[in-house]
Amino acid sequence: MAAAEDIEADAPKRKKSALPLMLGLVVALALGGGGFFAAYSGMLDSLLGGKEHDGEEKSAPAGPLPPIAFVEMEPMLISLGEPGATRHLRFRAHFEVMPGQSDAVTAQLPRVMDVLNSYLRAISIAELENPAALIRLRAQMLRRVQLVVGENRVRDLLVTEFVLN
């Protein structure tokens, strides 16, 4: 028995064939390339809920813009933090108003500036330093302005300067 085991041990071991591995690699590359081409060329847009197109990009002609007017607010310099602190906020905005409402909104600007000054002084410096907070602050300020001048007069508040130093 020992002699039979020695003969099997001395026999050269068969190498495993690399053919299945190579075949699998070629098939994987072919499927990956085909998937990339299908996604890149837009073949999958209808399946994935993308835009429908017939080979040409069709864009709708731009219509006329609705009539709007802007009212500029004077720049505000607001001291922040505790008394004696040297932190300031320089704030400037424009109001998008309905046509014909510019004079009514301009007449209310002192009240608007008072409301915005009070609101901005109440906010912490850490919140003002957060870049993502400007969107929420803008929405809050617009709501306050609309309450002061009237709901149907001011459409939007455009922040043109917001510098914290």
Foldseek 3Di string as FASTA:
>chain_A
DVVVVVVVVPDDDDDDDCVVVVVVVVVVVVVVVVVVCCVVVVVCCVVVVHDDDDPDDDDDDDDDDDDKDKDWADWDWADEDDPPDPKIKIWTKIFIWDPPCRVLLVVQRVVLVVVLNVVVRPDHPVLLPDPVNVVVSQVVSVVVSCVRRHVRTTDGMGIPGIDMD
